[in-house]
Protein backbone atom coordinates (compact mmCIF):
# COMPACT_ATOMS: atom_id res chain seq x y z
CA MET A 1 50.66 93.76 128.32
CA ILE A 2 49.60 94.30 124.73
CA LYS A 3 51.42 97.16 123.55
CA LYS A 4 50.23 100.28 121.48
CA LEU A 5 50.43 100.01 117.57
CA LEU A 6 52.68 103.43 117.85
CA PHE A 7 55.12 101.27 120.27
CA ALA A 8 55.11 98.29 117.82
CA LEU A 9 55.93 100.28 114.89
CA LEU A 10 58.60 102.12 117.07
CA ILE A 11 60.09 98.67 117.53
CA LEU A 12 59.68 97.35 114.13
CA ILE A 13 61.59 100.05 112.55
CA SER A 14 64.65 99.72 114.91
CA PHE A 15 67.67 97.43 114.99
CA ASN A 16 67.00 95.65 111.71
CA GLY A 17 70.51 95.12 111.23
CA PHE A 18 71.48 92.62 113.96
CA SER A 19 72.74 89.31 112.69
CA GLN A 20 73.01 86.12 114.41
CA ASN A 21 76.71 85.72 113.93
CA ILE A 22 77.10 88.83 116.50
CA SER A 23 79.04 87.34 119.47
CA LEU A 24 78.90 89.49 122.80
CA SER A 25 81.98 90.20 124.86
CA ASN A 26 82.57 89.16 128.37
CA GLN A 27 81.27 92.66 129.48
CA ALA A 28 77.72 92.02 128.13
CA LYS A 29 74.76 92.18 130.48
CA VAL A 30 71.38 90.92 130.55
CA SER A 31 68.51 92.34 132.56
CA ILE A 32 64.54 92.15 133.11
CA LEU A 33 62.83 95.38 132.52
CA THR A 34 59.53 95.41 134.20
CA CYS A 35 57.03 98.24 132.92
CA GLY A 36 54.59 99.85 134.95
CA THR A 37 50.72 99.68 134.49
CA GLY A 38 48.47 102.51 133.04
CA PRO A 39 45.01 103.32 132.86
CA GLU A 40 44.38 101.98 129.17
CA SER A 41 43.40 98.53 128.78
CA TYR A 42 46.72 97.49 126.83
CA ALA A 43 48.62 98.96 130.07
CA MET A 44 46.52 97.22 132.70
CA TYR A 45 48.89 94.65 133.75
CA GLY A 46 52.28 95.94 132.81
CA HIS A 47 55.03 94.64 130.48
CA THR A 48 57.94 92.66 130.46
CA GLY A 49 61.13 92.91 128.34
CA ILE A 50 64.52 91.59 127.94
CA ARG A 51 67.67 94.22 127.61
CA ILE A 52 70.89 93.26 126.11
CA GLN A 53 73.66 95.51 126.64
CA ASP A 54 77.58 95.14 125.57
CA ILE A 55 79.06 98.76 125.73
CA SER A 56 82.22 97.52 124.02
CA GLN A 57 80.06 96.50 120.71
CA GLN A 58 77.41 99.60 121.22
CA ILE A 59 74.89 97.16 121.80
CA ASP A 60 71.85 98.20 123.91
CA VAL A 61 68.57 96.52 122.53
CA VAL A 62 65.40 95.57 124.29
CA TYR A 63 63.29 92.34 122.98
CA ASN A 64 59.61 92.42 123.23
CA TYR A 65 56.98 89.82 123.10
CA GLY A 66 53.22 90.85 122.56
CA ALA A 67 53.31 92.98 119.60
CA PHE A 68 50.59 92.58 116.96
CA ASP A 69 49.50 93.65 113.41
CA PHE A 70 46.29 95.80 113.53
CA SER A 71 46.12 95.30 109.40
CA THR A 72 45.63 91.61 110.02
CA PRO A 73 42.52 90.38 108.29
CA ASN A 74 39.59 89.95 110.42
CA PHE A 75 41.58 91.33 113.23
CA ILE A 76 38.65 91.61 115.73
CA GLY A 77 37.46 88.25 114.82
CA ARG A 78 40.72 86.58 115.21
CA PHE A 79 41.44 88.39 118.52
CA VAL A 80 37.96 87.03 120.18
CA LYS A 81 38.67 83.76 118.68
CA GLY A 82 41.97 83.33 120.32
CA ASP A 83 44.23 82.67 117.07
CA LEU A 84 45.69 86.01 116.58
CA GLN A 85 49.40 85.69 115.87
CA TYR A 86 51.68 87.87 118.21
CA PHE A 87 55.48 88.13 117.54
CA VAL A 88 58.74 89.41 119.25
CA THR A 89 60.31 92.51 118.07
CA ASN A 90 63.76 94.11 119.21
CA GLY A 91 64.47 97.88 119.33
CA SER A 92 67.05 100.41 121.00
CA TYR A 93 66.66 100.98 124.81
CA ILE A 94 66.77 104.50 124.20
CA ASP A 95 63.52 104.42 122.35
CA PHE A 96 62.04 101.81 124.56
CA TYR A 97 62.88 104.06 127.61
CA TYR A 98 61.51 107.35 125.98
CA ASN A 99 58.28 105.63 125.20
CA TYR A 100 57.37 104.62 128.69
CA GLN A 101 58.44 108.05 129.94
CA ALA A 102 55.90 109.71 127.56
CA GLU A 103 53.32 107.34 129.05
CA ASN A 104 54.60 108.07 132.69
CA ARG A 105 55.11 104.36 133.35
CA GLU A 106 58.03 103.18 135.56
CA ILE A 107 60.75 100.78 134.67
CA ILE A 108 62.49 98.61 137.02
CA GLU A 109 65.58 96.81 135.77
CA GLN A 110 66.89 93.46 137.28
CA GLU A 111 70.39 92.42 135.79
CA LEU A 112 70.45 88.61 135.90
CA ALA A 113 73.72 86.98 137.09
CA LEU A 114 74.13 84.75 133.93
CA SER A 115 77.46 83.74 132.76
CA PRO A 116 78.99 85.38 129.41
CA THR A 117 78.23 82.01 127.48
CA GLN A 118 74.81 81.92 128.87
CA ILE A 119 74.18 85.58 127.74
CA ASN A 120 75.66 84.96 124.22
CA GLN A 121 73.32 81.79 123.97
CA LEU A 122 70.20 83.72 124.91
CA PHE A 123 71.16 86.80 122.58
CA GLN A 124 71.63 84.26 119.79
CA GLN A 125 68.19 82.83 120.60
CA LEU A 126 66.27 86.03 120.90
CA ASN A 127 67.91 87.15 117.54
CA ALA A 128 66.99 83.91 115.92
CA SER A 129 63.34 84.52 117.00
CA VAL A 130 63.20 87.84 115.70
CA TYR A 131 64.65 87.21 111.91
CA SER A 132 62.65 83.95 111.54
CA ASP A 133 59.29 82.39 111.47
CA ASP A 134 59.75 81.55 115.25
CA ARG A 135 58.87 85.14 115.99
CA PHE A 136 55.27 84.36 115.77
CA TYR A 137 53.24 82.84 118.35
CA THR A 138 49.45 82.42 119.33
CA TYR A 139 48.57 84.83 122.12
CA LYS A 140 46.99 83.02 125.26
CA PHE A 141 46.10 85.38 128.41
CA ILE A 142 47.54 83.13 130.92
CA ASP A 143 49.69 80.38 129.13
CA ARG A 144 51.22 82.58 126.48
CA ASN A 145 52.19 86.43 126.86
CA CYS A 146 55.00 89.11 126.99
CA THR A 147 55.88 87.63 130.32
CA THR A 148 55.44 83.87 129.85
CA MET A 149 57.39 83.98 126.65
CA VAL A 150 60.37 85.84 128.70
CA VAL A 151 60.12 83.44 131.64
CA ASP A 152 60.54 80.34 129.33
CA LYS A 153 63.45 81.89 127.40
CA ILE A 154 65.16 82.44 130.63
CA ASN A 155 64.50 79.33 132.20
CA THR A 156 65.80 77.49 128.98
CA THR A 157 69.02 79.59 129.26
CA LEU A 158 69.03 78.35 132.80
CA GLY A 159 68.77 74.66 132.07
CA LYS A 160 65.57 74.16 134.32
CA GLU A 161 62.67 75.95 135.49
CA TYR A 162 64.20 77.79 138.29
CA ILE A 163 62.09 80.73 138.12
CA LYS A 164 58.50 79.85 138.89
CA SER A 165 55.40 81.09 140.57
CA SER A 166 55.26 81.20 144.34
CA SER A 167 51.52 82.20 144.26
CA SER A 168 49.99 78.87 143.98
CA ASN A 169 47.95 79.46 147.36
CA GLN A 170 46.09 82.15 144.88
CA SER A 171 43.89 81.99 142.19
CA TYR A 172 44.84 83.76 138.89
CA ARG A 173 41.62 85.86 139.34
CA GLU A 174 43.08 86.87 142.84
CA ILE A 175 46.12 87.93 141.38
CA LEU A 176 44.60 89.77 138.35
CA TYR A 177 41.76 91.35 140.40
CA PRO A 178 43.82 94.32 142.03
CA TYR A 179 45.25 95.36 138.69
CA MET A 180 41.62 96.25 137.50
CA SER A 181 41.07 99.87 138.61
CA ASP A 182 38.22 100.84 136.20
CA PHE A 183 35.31 99.35 137.64
CA TYR A 184 33.10 98.69 134.71
CA MET A 185 36.09 97.25 133.02
CA LYS A 186 36.75 95.12 135.88
CA LEU A 187 33.01 94.00 135.97
CA GLY A 188 33.14 93.01 132.43
CA ILE A 189 36.19 91.01 132.71
CA GLN A 190 35.11 89.30 135.88
CA LEU A 191 31.69 88.25 134.37
CA ILE A 192 33.30 87.03 131.18
CA PHE A 193 36.05 84.81 132.71
CA GLY A 194 35.32 81.01 133.56
CA THR A 195 36.61 78.42 135.83
CA LYS A 196 40.28 78.37 134.68
CA VAL A 197 41.03 81.57 136.15
CA ASP A 198 39.84 80.16 139.63
CA GLU A 199 42.60 77.59 139.42
CA PRO A 200 45.78 77.78 141.44
CA ALA A 201 48.19 80.32 139.96
CA THR A 202 50.94 77.94 138.87
CA ARG A 203 52.07 79.91 135.79
CA LEU A 204 53.98 83.22 136.23
CA PHE A 205 52.14 85.36 133.70
CA LEU A 206 52.25 88.92 134.87
CA PRO A 207 55.17 91.11 134.76
CA TYR A 208 55.16 92.27 138.81
CA GLU A 209 54.67 88.52 139.63
CA PHE A 210 57.69 87.71 137.45
CA LYS A 211 60.11 90.31 139.19
CA LYS A 212 59.07 89.23 142.54
CA ALA A 213 59.93 85.70 141.43
CA ILE A 214 63.32 86.78 140.05
CA SER A 215 64.01 88.47 143.49
CA GLN A 216 63.30 85.29 145.42
CA THR A 217 65.18 82.70 142.83
CA LYS A 218 68.41 81.12 143.63
CA VAL A 219 70.47 78.84 141.32
CA ASN A 220 72.99 76.58 143.06
CA GLU A 221 72.43 78.50 146.14
CA LYS A 222 73.31 81.79 144.35
CA ALA A 223 70.70 84.70 143.83
CA ILE A 224 69.66 85.12 140.07
CA GLU A 225 69.13 88.67 140.63
CA LYS A 226 72.47 90.53 140.48
CA SER A 227 70.88 94.18 140.99
CA ASN A 228 67.56 95.65 141.03
CA GLU A 229 67.05 99.33 140.25
CA THR A 230 64.36 101.70 139.16
CA ILE A 231 65.58 103.44 136.35
CA LEU A 232 62.48 105.44 135.41
CA VAL A 233 60.34 106.79 138.23
CA ALA A 234 56.74 107.51 137.08
CA GLN A 235 55.34 110.75 138.25
CA LYS A 236 52.55 110.08 140.91
CA THR A 237 49.01 111.53 139.64
CA ASN A 238 46.01 111.77 141.83
CA ILE A 239 43.30 110.56 140.13
CA PRO A 240 39.75 111.88 141.62
CA PHE A 241 37.27 109.13 142.68
CA ASN A 242 34.64 109.17 139.86
CA TRP A 243 31.24 108.07 141.18
CA LEU A 244 29.89 107.33 137.72
CA ASN A 245 32.85 104.61 136.94
CA SER A 246 32.14 102.77 140.44
CA ILE A 247 29.62 100.27 141.91
CA TYR A 248 27.68 103.17 143.36
CA SER A 249 26.58 104.17 139.92
CA LEU A 250 25.58 100.56 139.30
CA ILE A 251 23.59 100.36 142.52
CA GLY A 252 21.78 103.65 141.71
CA ALA A 253 20.94 102.62 138.27
CA LEU A 254 19.51 99.23 139.58
CA LEU A 255 17.73 101.17 142.38
CA LEU A 256 16.16 103.43 139.89
CA LEU A 257 14.93 100.61 137.81
CA VAL A 258 13.37 99.00 140.85
CA ILE A 259 11.66 102.28 141.65
CA LEU A 260 10.35 102.95 138.38
CA GLY A 261 9.10 99.19 138.33
CA LYS A 262 7.35 99.17 135.03
CA LYS A 263 6.59 96.15 133.40
CA TRP A 264 8.43 96.88 130.16
CA ILE A 265 11.25 98.03 132.23
CA LYS A 266 11.43 94.51 133.92
CA THR A 267 11.19 92.71 130.63
CA THR A 268 13.76 94.52 128.63
CA TYR A 269 16.02 93.84 131.60
CA PHE A 270 15.42 90.34 131.67
CA ILE A 271 15.85 90.02 127.69
CA ILE A 272 19.28 91.78 128.32
CA ALA A 273 20.30 89.77 131.10
CA GLY A 274 19.32 86.59 129.18
CA LEU A 275 21.27 87.67 126.01
CA LEU A 276 24.17 88.19 128.06
CA GLY A 277 23.89 84.67 129.07
CA MET A 278 23.69 83.50 125.47
CA PHE A 279 26.78 85.56 124.70
CA PHE A 280 28.86 83.92 127.68
CA SER A 281 27.41 80.40 126.50
CA LEU A 282 28.37 80.77 122.78
CA VAL A 283 31.57 82.66 122.94
CA GLY A 284 33.19 79.87 125.00
CA LEU A 285 32.34 77.31 121.93
CA TYR A 286 33.61 80.03 119.54
CA SER A 287 36.67 81.27 121.30
CA LEU A 288 40.27 79.37 121.84
CA HIS A 289 40.77 81.05 125.08
CA GLU A 290 40.51 78.71 127.88
CA GLU A 291 39.95 81.56 130.27
CA ILE A 292 36.50 81.94 129.32
CA LEU A 293 35.18 78.24 128.90
CA TRP A 294 32.95 77.03 131.55
CA ASN A 295 31.54 80.29 132.53
CA TYR A 296 29.26 79.91 135.66
CA ASN A 297 27.99 83.49 135.54
CA ILE A 298 25.59 82.02 133.43
CA LEU A 299 23.84 81.03 136.30
CA LEU A 300 23.39 84.81 137.04
CA PHE A 301 22.67 85.95 133.68
CA ASN A 302 20.67 82.91 132.88
CA PRO A 303 19.78 82.44 129.00
CA LEU A 304 16.25 81.02 130.55
CA LEU A 305 15.46 84.73 131.52
CA LEU A 306 14.72 85.22 127.72
CA VAL A 307 12.16 82.56 128.08
CA PHE A 308 10.82 84.12 131.46
CA ALA A 309 10.39 87.62 129.95
CA TRP A 310 8.41 86.06 127.01
CA TYR A 311 6.11 84.46 129.41
CA TYR A 312 6.17 87.43 131.67
CA TRP A 313 5.08 89.80 128.75
CA LYS A 314 2.45 87.27 127.58
CA GLN A 315 1.10 86.83 131.28
CA ASN A 316 1.35 83.20 131.07
CA ASN A 317 1.37 82.62 134.96
CA ALA A 318 1.66 78.90 135.15
CA LYS A 319 4.92 79.21 132.82
CA ILE A 320 6.16 82.39 134.73
CA VAL A 321 6.08 80.38 137.98
CA LEU A 322 7.67 77.28 136.62
CA ILE A 323 10.58 79.24 134.74
CA GLY A 324 10.91 81.62 137.59
CA LYS A 325 11.52 79.01 140.33
CA ILE A 326 14.17 77.32 137.82
CA CYS A 327 15.69 80.74 137.34
CA LEU A 328 15.68 81.16 141.23
CA ALA A 329 17.26 77.53 142.05
CA PHE A 330 20.03 78.40 139.46
CA LEU A 331 20.59 81.76 141.20
CA LEU A 332 20.60 80.43 144.55
CA ILE A 333 23.14 77.85 143.32
CA TYR A 334 25.39 80.77 141.88
CA PHE A 335 25.32 82.78 145.22
CA VAL A 336 26.65 79.61 147.33
CA TYR A 337 29.10 78.93 144.72
CA MET A 338 30.38 82.64 144.78
CA LEU A 339 30.58 82.89 148.58
CA ASN A 340 34.35 82.28 148.41
CA LYS A 341 34.98 84.18 145.12
CA ILE A 342 36.59 87.69 145.24
CA HIS A 343 34.38 89.05 142.64
CA LEU A 344 31.15 88.51 144.63
CA GLU A 345 31.73 92.26 145.95
CA ILE A 346 30.94 93.54 142.50
CA VAL A 347 28.35 91.15 141.42
CA TRP A 348 26.02 91.17 144.67
CA PRO A 349 23.77 94.12 143.10
CA PHE A 350 22.73 91.72 140.09
CA ILE A 351 22.37 88.90 142.44
CA THR A 352 20.11 91.04 144.66
CA ILE A 353 17.80 92.30 141.99
CA HIS A 354 17.29 88.93 140.38
CA PHE A 355 16.24 87.43 143.59
CA TYR A 356 14.12 90.35 144.35
CA TRP A 357 12.46 90.83 141.03
CA ILE A 358 12.00 87.27 139.90
CA GLY A 359 10.84 86.18 143.28
CA LYS A 360 8.26 88.91 143.59
CA ILE A 361 6.89 88.19 140.13
CA VAL A 362 6.78 84.56 140.99
CA LEU A 363 4.83 85.09 144.39
CA GLN A 364 2.54 87.44 142.74
CA ARG A 365 1.85 84.95 140.05
CA LYS A 366 1.04 82.20 142.34
CA LYS A 367 -1.44 84.20 144.43
CA LEU A 368 -3.11 84.84 141.19
CA ASN A 369 -3.27 81.11 140.37
CA LEU A 370 -4.65 80.42 143.76
CA THR A 371 -7.19 83.01 143.46
CA ARG A 372 -8.70 81.49 140.40
């Protein structure tokens, strides 16, 4: 959903001559463009655009939400914090089309059954947004992105929230999960997500979910979708299975650590795991992204593992047993909580090694205490 800088620049230099005073003819059409996913992180979930077409006035323009400026001071810090300003842009349809053709990503067009008055109203609102301070908005992964902004614009034009999510029986996490094809990216995203993404998906926030909702929506018993056509077909590419970018490489790496079993390896692992837990804890205090708040994955990557690693290195058996039991208790709670979570299938190797290593160390130290 986040567009490349090249795409943002391409859009920004196009169609700067629109005026809010232009009125469309009765032949004007409005359609939603759903753009395909790609392997890059910015293209992982697809993209949504609004196309306004009026042949009689030689207007064919696409409006996009989700552009941003890389030159923004402290760009990375503001992105992580969640107060980075995104904005709406407009550009020629043909440039939009060629951009996605170059990226080999499909475009599906759904013309909406809106009246000429509604189309004009939408056109004026979009132009007002592009050429005023209203073009800026604070991006939120679920609540405010390139799709939700379009959903809100169309519903405002319709006068009521007709187009809405029909996936409330699924969580946001369950909807997002299939889109993540890169294993380690999926693992990282799933670990940094908190409880918000486990809530029922009441918000339309992904392009293809929006596309599906349009096809199912009726206004006064009439379908809102006038037509549905794939206007750009992506060429199918066979991507070979990558063992290095899969759960098998993770299992292999953790097994190797277990086989080597050196004390310094275990200590280093616990330090890294504890630091991850610290990061998950602190980033939620810093960031405004609600999706990373209340991250229960700190029960797995527990900051207490830093303390456990210290006492393990110093061979303080009494403290090792005490802190180890606490970590195991949290780990058991985490495992039970995860039983109905979709990402259990990718985090179980970490659960296993934590149970094995911490449990084994605690039992060994208890035996040493008993023999003394």
